[in-house]
């Protein structure tokens, strides 16, 4: 029983966190038009970067190799994380994580249904009733319950859809089927300044307000109507670029001063922290009308060195 539970957990851990709406850049047609936030991780692009290649050689690669071995041993499921291409999640509010209303989309060339069915078969062989993986009543789209915590739908020819409730699951399926408007039909998130092509991760949000819960040190976000965070690697540089959309050009000027002040306080507050000092010195704050941006660029070799040092600890 312990081995069975570990194998099912390995399947969930392997498939769920490292999957996405589609390989490559964010596919706006897969995301609901009324979303408040969207996160997209391009795993294909990540694996081609210097930092990504180092992660694959290190702990991430070892974790994936262990998951692959466990799944083959306990479920006879051939798992190859290189066939999992990206991750996209979107949501309709800014509630705390455990209360948030969101959808996760999966695109992968892996046979996810085969893995889930194998888990069900193993449960039956072990005489496990109401196991961690259950297939729900037949419908045009196969739907599974995972640990009674979230639902997985496998629409043919479309990304896999994950959600905590049936209502959210059906909304995600409706977007993919063209029965609900998507981001491609709206101007949401389109007015941000152009971003570099070499983006591995992008997160965007609209509709910030004074009631949005944020920590005290991040109150500057409540002065914004929206924001975007982009991470990537271009040339030999790793970059992190955050852009806030202010309510007006006057507010953007105030936000610029606040951000510059926070950087100065950070530098003064921890003068012996060399890593923090390096980040602060590399940070650049700029304003373009309503948009305030803060960007940090570091050599990929520096980031890789820090990763190696952390792994040796």
Protein backbone atom coordinates (compact mmCIF):
# COMPACT_ATOMS: atom_id res chain seq x y z
CA UNK A 1 0.00 0.00 0.00
CA UNK A 2 2.81 2.44 0.83
CA UNK A 3 4.51 1.69 -2.47
CA UNK A 4 1.21 2.11 -4.31
CA UNK A 5 0.61 5.50 -2.73
CA UNK A 6 4.16 6.61 -3.56
CA UNK A 7 3.77 5.59 -7.19
CA UNK A 8 0.49 7.45 -7.57
CA UNK A 9 1.97 10.50 -5.86
CA UNK A 10 4.95 10.31 -8.22
CA UNK A 11 2.57 10.35 -11.16
CA UNK A 12 0.75 13.38 -9.82
CA UNK A 13 3.95 15.24 -8.98
CA UNK A 14 5.48 14.42 -12.34
CA UNK A 15 2.50 15.31 -14.50
CA UNK A 16 0.79 18.13 -12.67
CA UNK A 17 3.39 20.85 -11.87
CA UNK A 18 5.35 20.65 -15.13
CA UNK A 19 2.57 20.87 -17.73
CA UNK A 20 0.88 23.63 -19.67
CA UNK A 21 -1.61 25.05 -22.08
CA UNK A 22 0.63 24.73 -25.09
CA UNK A 23 4.28 24.54 -26.03
CA UNK A 24 5.95 27.86 -26.70
CA UNK A 25 4.53 31.33 -25.98
CA UNK A 26 1.25 31.95 -24.21
CA UNK A 27 -1.73 30.86 -26.33
CA UNK A 28 -4.31 33.59 -25.72
CA UNK A 29 -7.09 31.56 -27.36
CA UNK A 30 -6.84 28.98 -24.56
CA UNK A 31 -7.43 31.48 -21.72
CA UNK A 32 -10.81 32.87 -20.64
CA UNK A 33 -11.41 36.52 -21.52
CA UNK A 34 -12.56 37.42 -17.99
CA UNK A 35 -9.42 36.19 -16.27
CA UNK A 36 -7.76 38.46 -13.70
CA UNK A 37 -4.33 36.84 -13.84
CA UNK A 38 -2.40 34.42 -16.00
CA UNK A 39 0.92 32.59 -15.48
CA UNK A 40 2.81 30.85 -18.27
CA UNK A 41 5.99 28.76 -18.01
CA UNK A 42 7.57 27.69 -21.31
CA UNK A 43 9.47 24.51 -20.41
CA UNK A 44 10.72 23.97 -23.95
CA UNK A 45 12.37 27.39 -23.88
CA UNK A 46 13.64 26.82 -20.33
CA UNK A 47 15.46 23.65 -21.32
CA UNK A 48 17.32 25.49 -24.10
CA UNK A 49 18.72 28.20 -21.79
CA UNK A 50 22.06 27.96 -20.01
CA UNK A 51 20.35 28.13 -16.62
CA UNK A 52 17.76 25.54 -17.66
CA UNK A 53 20.43 23.16 -18.94
CA UNK A 54 22.25 23.47 -15.61
CA UNK A 55 19.01 22.74 -13.70
CA UNK A 56 18.46 19.62 -15.83
CA UNK A 57 21.99 18.46 -15.04
CA UNK A 58 21.38 19.10 -11.34
CA UNK A 59 18.58 18.49 -8.85
CA UNK A 60 15.70 19.01 -11.27
CA UNK A 61 17.11 16.39 -13.63
CA UNK A 62 17.64 13.94 -10.77
CA UNK A 63 14.09 14.49 -9.49
CA UNK A 64 12.66 13.85 -12.94
CA UNK A 65 14.81 10.71 -13.39
CA UNK A 66 13.54 9.36 -10.06
CA UNK A 67 9.93 10.08 -11.03
CA UNK A 68 10.52 8.32 -14.36
CA UNK A 69 11.96 5.23 -12.64
CA UNK A 70 9.17 5.10 -10.02
CA UNK A 71 6.43 5.39 -12.61
CA UNK A 72 7.95 2.65 -14.76
CA UNK A 73 8.42 0.34 -11.77
CA UNK A 74 5.07 0.78 -10.06
CA UNK A 75 2.71 1.78 -12.91
CA UNK A 76 4.58 0.63 -16.02
CA UNK A 77 4.10 4.19 -17.28
CA UNK A 78 6.77 5.56 -19.61
CA UNK A 79 7.32 9.09 -18.36
CA UNK A 80 9.59 11.53 -20.19
CA UNK A 81 9.41 15.08 -18.91
CA UNK A 82 10.89 16.34 -22.20
CA UNK A 83 7.44 15.60 -23.62
CA UNK A 84 5.90 18.10 -21.21
CA UNK A 85 6.24 21.45 -22.85
CA UNK A 86 4.84 24.35 -20.81
CA UNK A 87 2.49 25.44 -18.05
CA UNK A 88 -0.35 27.93 -18.12
CA UNK A 89 -2.64 28.80 -15.22
CA UNK A 90 -5.28 31.52 -15.05
CA UNK A 91 -7.75 32.71 -12.46
CA UNK A 92 -10.71 34.95 -11.83
CA UNK A 93 -9.87 36.59 -8.50
CA UNK A 94 -7.02 37.55 -6.18
CA UNK A 95 -8.10 35.38 -3.25
CA UNK A 96 -5.51 33.54 -1.15
CA UNK A 97 -3.95 30.51 -2.81
CA UNK A 98 -6.13 27.93 -1.05
CA UNK A 99 -9.30 29.83 -2.01
CA UNK A 100 -8.39 31.05 -5.49
CA UNK A 101 -10.64 30.29 -8.44
CA UNK A 102 -8.30 29.11 -11.18
CA UNK A 103 -7.72 26.70 -14.05
CA UNK A 104 -4.56 24.87 -15.07
CA UNK A 105 -4.14 23.71 -18.67
CA UNK A 106 -1.92 20.85 -19.80
CA UNK A 107 -0.38 20.12 -23.19
CA UNK A 108 1.91 17.12 -23.44
CA UNK A 109 2.75 14.38 -25.87
CA UNK A 110 2.66 11.92 -22.96
CA UNK A 111 -0.31 9.56 -22.75
CA UNK A 112 -1.69 11.01 -19.52
CA UNK A 113 -4.86 8.92 -19.73
CA UNK A 114 -2.80 5.73 -19.91
CA UNK A 115 -1.01 6.74 -16.72
CA UNK A 116 -4.23 7.53 -14.87
CA UNK A 117 -5.87 4.30 -16.01
CA UNK A 118 -2.77 2.38 -14.91
CA UNK A 119 -3.09 3.94 -11.46
CA UNK A 120 -6.73 2.85 -11.27
CA UNK A 121 -5.79 -0.68 -12.33
CA UNK A 122 -3.08 -0.88 -9.67
CA UNK A 123 -5.55 0.32 -7.05
CA UNK A 124 -8.00 -2.40 -8.08
CA UNK A 125 -5.28 -5.07 -7.97
CA UNK A 126 -4.43 -3.93 -4.44
CA UNK A 127 -8.15 -3.99 -3.48
CA UNK A 128 -8.11 -0.26 -2.75
CA UNK A 129 -11.62 1.22 -2.65
CA UNK A 130 -12.13 4.92 -3.43
CA UNK A 131 -8.45 5.30 -4.27
CA UNK A 132 -6.49 8.44 -5.03
CA UNK A 133 -7.41 8.28 -8.73
CA UNK A 134 -11.01 7.71 -9.86
CA UNK A 135 -12.65 8.01 -13.26
CA UNK A 136 -16.00 9.77 -13.05
CA UNK A 137 -19.14 8.95 -15.02
CA UNK A 138 -18.66 8.69 -18.77
CA UNK A 139 -19.17 11.86 -20.77
CA UNK A 140 -17.95 13.23 -24.11
CA UNK A 141 -14.75 14.17 -22.26
CA UNK A 142 -12.97 11.78 -19.87
CA UNK A 143 -12.86 13.27 -16.34
CA UNK A 144 -10.85 11.97 -13.38
CA UNK A 145 -10.86 12.87 -9.69
CA UNK A 146 -7.44 13.05 -8.03
CA UNK A 147 -7.47 12.45 -4.27
CA UNK A 148 -10.90 14.12 -4.19
CA UNK A 149 -9.03 17.42 -4.35
CA UNK A 150 -9.12 18.38 -8.03
CA UNK A 151 -10.53 17.25 -11.36
CA UNK A 152 -8.69 16.41 -14.57
CA UNK A 153 -10.41 16.52 -17.97
CA UNK A 154 -8.84 15.09 -21.14
CA UNK A 155 -10.53 16.76 -24.13
CA UNK A 156 -9.31 15.10 -27.36
CA UNK A 157 -7.04 17.31 -29.43
CA UNK A 158 -6.92 20.02 -26.74
CA UNK A 159 -4.90 20.81 -23.62
CA UNK A 160 -5.76 18.82 -20.51
CA UNK A 161 -7.78 20.88 -18.02
CA UNK A 162 -7.31 20.82 -14.23
CA UNK A 163 -9.53 22.59 -11.70
CA UNK A 164 -10.73 22.23 -8.12
CA UNK A 165 -14.44 22.43 -8.92
CA UNK A 166 -16.66 21.13 -11.70
CA UNK A 167 -17.83 24.68 -12.50
CA UNK A 168 -14.25 25.82 -13.14
CA UNK A 169 -13.48 22.66 -15.10
CA UNK A 170 -16.48 23.18 -17.36
CA UNK A 171 -15.55 26.82 -17.92
CA UNK A 172 -12.05 25.80 -18.95
CA UNK A 173 -13.49 23.24 -21.36
CA UNK A 174 -15.93 25.80 -22.76
CA UNK A 175 -13.06 28.19 -23.59
CA UNK A 176 -11.21 25.45 -25.48
CA UNK A 177 -14.39 24.48 -27.34
CA UNK A 178 -15.11 28.09 -28.36
CA UNK A 179 -18.26 28.34 -26.24
CA UNK A 180 -16.75 31.02 -23.94
CA UNK A 181 -14.82 34.15 -25.06
CA UNK A 182 -11.04 33.94 -24.85
CA UNK A 183 -8.20 36.45 -24.48
CA UNK A 184 -7.61 36.50 -28.24
CA UNK A 185 -11.00 38.22 -28.59
CA UNK A 186 -10.18 41.01 -26.10
CA UNK A 187 -7.57 43.72 -25.49
CA UNK A 188 -6.77 42.44 -21.99
CA UNK A 189 -3.00 42.33 -21.31
CA UNK A 190 -2.19 43.76 -24.77
CA UNK A 191 -1.18 47.30 -23.78
CA UNK A 192 2.03 46.43 -21.94
CA UNK A 193 5.28 47.49 -23.64
CA UNK A 194 6.89 44.84 -25.89
CA UNK A 195 8.84 42.18 -24.01
CA UNK A 196 11.95 40.25 -25.11
CA UNK A 197 11.36 37.18 -27.24
CA UNK A 198 13.50 34.98 -24.99
CA UNK A 199 10.89 34.79 -22.19
CA UNK A 200 10.74 31.56 -20.19
CA UNK A 201 8.11 32.71 -17.69
CA UNK A 202 5.53 35.47 -17.84
CA UNK A 203 2.89 36.44 -15.29
CA UNK A 204 0.26 39.14 -15.84
CA UNK A 205 -2.55 40.57 -13.75
CA UNK A 206 -5.30 43.15 -14.24
CA UNK A 207 -7.66 44.84 -11.82
CA UNK A 208 -5.51 45.56 -8.79
CA UNK A 209 -7.30 47.58 -6.13
CA UNK A 210 -6.95 48.76 -2.56
CA UNK A 211 -8.63 45.58 -1.27
CA UNK A 212 -6.17 43.22 -2.95
CA UNK A 213 -4.22 41.50 -0.14
CA UNK A 214 -0.50 42.31 -0.39
CA UNK A 215 2.29 42.39 2.24
CA UNK A 216 3.19 45.83 3.66
CA UNK A 217 6.46 46.05 1.71
CA UNK A 218 4.53 45.56 -1.56
CA UNK A 219 1.89 48.28 -1.11
CA UNK A 220 3.21 49.98 -4.25
CA UNK A 221 1.25 47.35 -6.20
CA UNK A 222 -1.98 48.85 -4.90
CA UNK A 223 -1.15 52.01 -6.85
CA UNK A 224 -1.28 50.01 -10.08
CA UNK A 225 -4.09 48.77 -12.30
CA UNK A 226 -2.09 45.79 -13.45
CA UNK A 227 1.33 44.29 -13.83
CA UNK A 228 3.57 41.92 -15.76
CA UNK A 229 6.58 39.87 -14.66
CA UNK A 230 8.84 38.31 -17.29
CA UNK A 231 11.87 36.07 -16.77
CA UNK A 232 14.17 34.76 -19.44
CA UNK A 233 17.62 34.52 -20.92
CA UNK A 234 18.93 36.45 -23.89
CA UNK A 235 22.49 36.14 -25.11
CA UNK A 236 24.56 35.45 -22.01
CA UNK A 237 22.28 37.43 -19.70
CA UNK A 238 19.48 36.26 -17.41
CA UNK A 239 16.83 38.95 -17.00
CA UNK A 240 13.90 39.61 -14.68
CA UNK A 241 11.64 42.47 -15.77
CA UNK A 242 8.63 43.69 -13.79
CA UNK A 243 6.26 46.28 -15.28
CA UNK A 244 3.45 48.02 -13.39
CA UNK A 245 0.62 49.86 -15.13
CA UNK A 246 -0.18 52.98 -13.13
CA UNK A 247 -3.54 54.73 -13.02
CA UNK A 248 -1.98 57.85 -14.58
CA UNK A 249 1.39 59.26 -15.63
CA UNK A 250 1.49 61.26 -12.39
CA UNK A 251 1.06 58.08 -10.36
CA UNK A 252 3.74 56.31 -12.40
CA UNK A 253 6.22 59.05 -11.42
CA UNK A 254 5.35 58.51 -7.75
CA UNK A 255 5.77 54.75 -8.16
CA UNK A 256 9.19 55.25 -9.73
CA UNK A 257 10.31 57.28 -6.71
CA UNK A 258 8.96 54.63 -4.31
CA UNK A 259 10.76 51.81 -6.12
CA UNK A 260 14.02 53.74 -6.22
CA UNK A 261 13.63 54.46 -2.51
CA UNK A 262 13.04 50.78 -1.73
CA UNK A 263 16.21 49.87 -3.61
CA UNK A 264 18.19 52.47 -1.69
CA UNK A 265 16.82 51.24 1.64
CA UNK A 266 17.67 47.69 0.70
CA UNK A 267 21.24 48.66 -0.11
CA UNK A 268 21.65 50.56 3.17
CA UNK A 269 19.91 47.97 5.31
CA UNK A 270 22.13 44.99 4.45
CA UNK A 271 25.54 46.33 3.35
CA UNK A 272 27.25 43.00 4.12
CA UNK A 273 24.88 40.96 1.93
CA UNK A 274 26.92 40.78 -1.26
CA UNK A 275 24.26 38.91 -3.25
CA UNK A 276 21.64 41.52 -2.40
CA UNK A 277 24.05 44.36 -3.20
CA UNK A 278 24.79 42.81 -6.58
CA UNK A 279 21.08 42.55 -7.41
CA UNK A 280 20.37 46.13 -6.31
CA UNK A 281 23.29 47.51 -8.32
CA UNK A 282 22.04 45.65 -11.40
CA UNK A 283 18.46 46.93 -11.02
CA UNK A 284 17.21 49.65 -13.35
CA UNK A 285 13.95 51.59 -12.85
CA UNK A 286 12.38 53.37 -15.82
CA UNK A 287 9.10 55.10 -16.71
CA UNK A 288 7.19 55.19 -19.99
CA UNK A 289 3.99 57.19 -19.60
CA UNK A 290 1.78 55.04 -17.32
CA UNK A 291 4.21 52.13 -17.19
CA UNK A 292 6.92 51.75 -14.53
CA UNK A 293 9.50 49.03 -15.11
CA UNK A 294 12.23 47.57 -12.96
CA UNK A 295 14.67 45.21 -14.63
CA UNK A 296 17.63 43.20 -13.40
CA UNK A 297 20.15 41.52 -15.69
CA UNK A 298 22.88 39.19 -14.51
CA UNK A 299 25.38 37.06 -16.42
CA UNK A 300 24.09 33.51 -16.85
CA UNK A 301 27.42 32.25 -15.53
CA UNK A 302 26.83 34.12 -12.27
CA UNK A 303 23.37 32.60 -11.82
CA UNK A 304 24.70 29.12 -12.63
CA UNK A 305 27.50 29.56 -10.09
CA UNK A 306 24.95 30.47 -7.39
CA UNK A 307 22.87 27.41 -8.31
CA UNK A 308 25.92 25.16 -7.99
CA UNK A 309 26.89 26.68 -4.66
CA UNK A 310 23.37 26.14 -3.29
CA UNK A 311 23.36 22.52 -4.42
CA UNK A 312 26.67 21.84 -2.69
CA UNK A 313 25.37 23.10 0.66
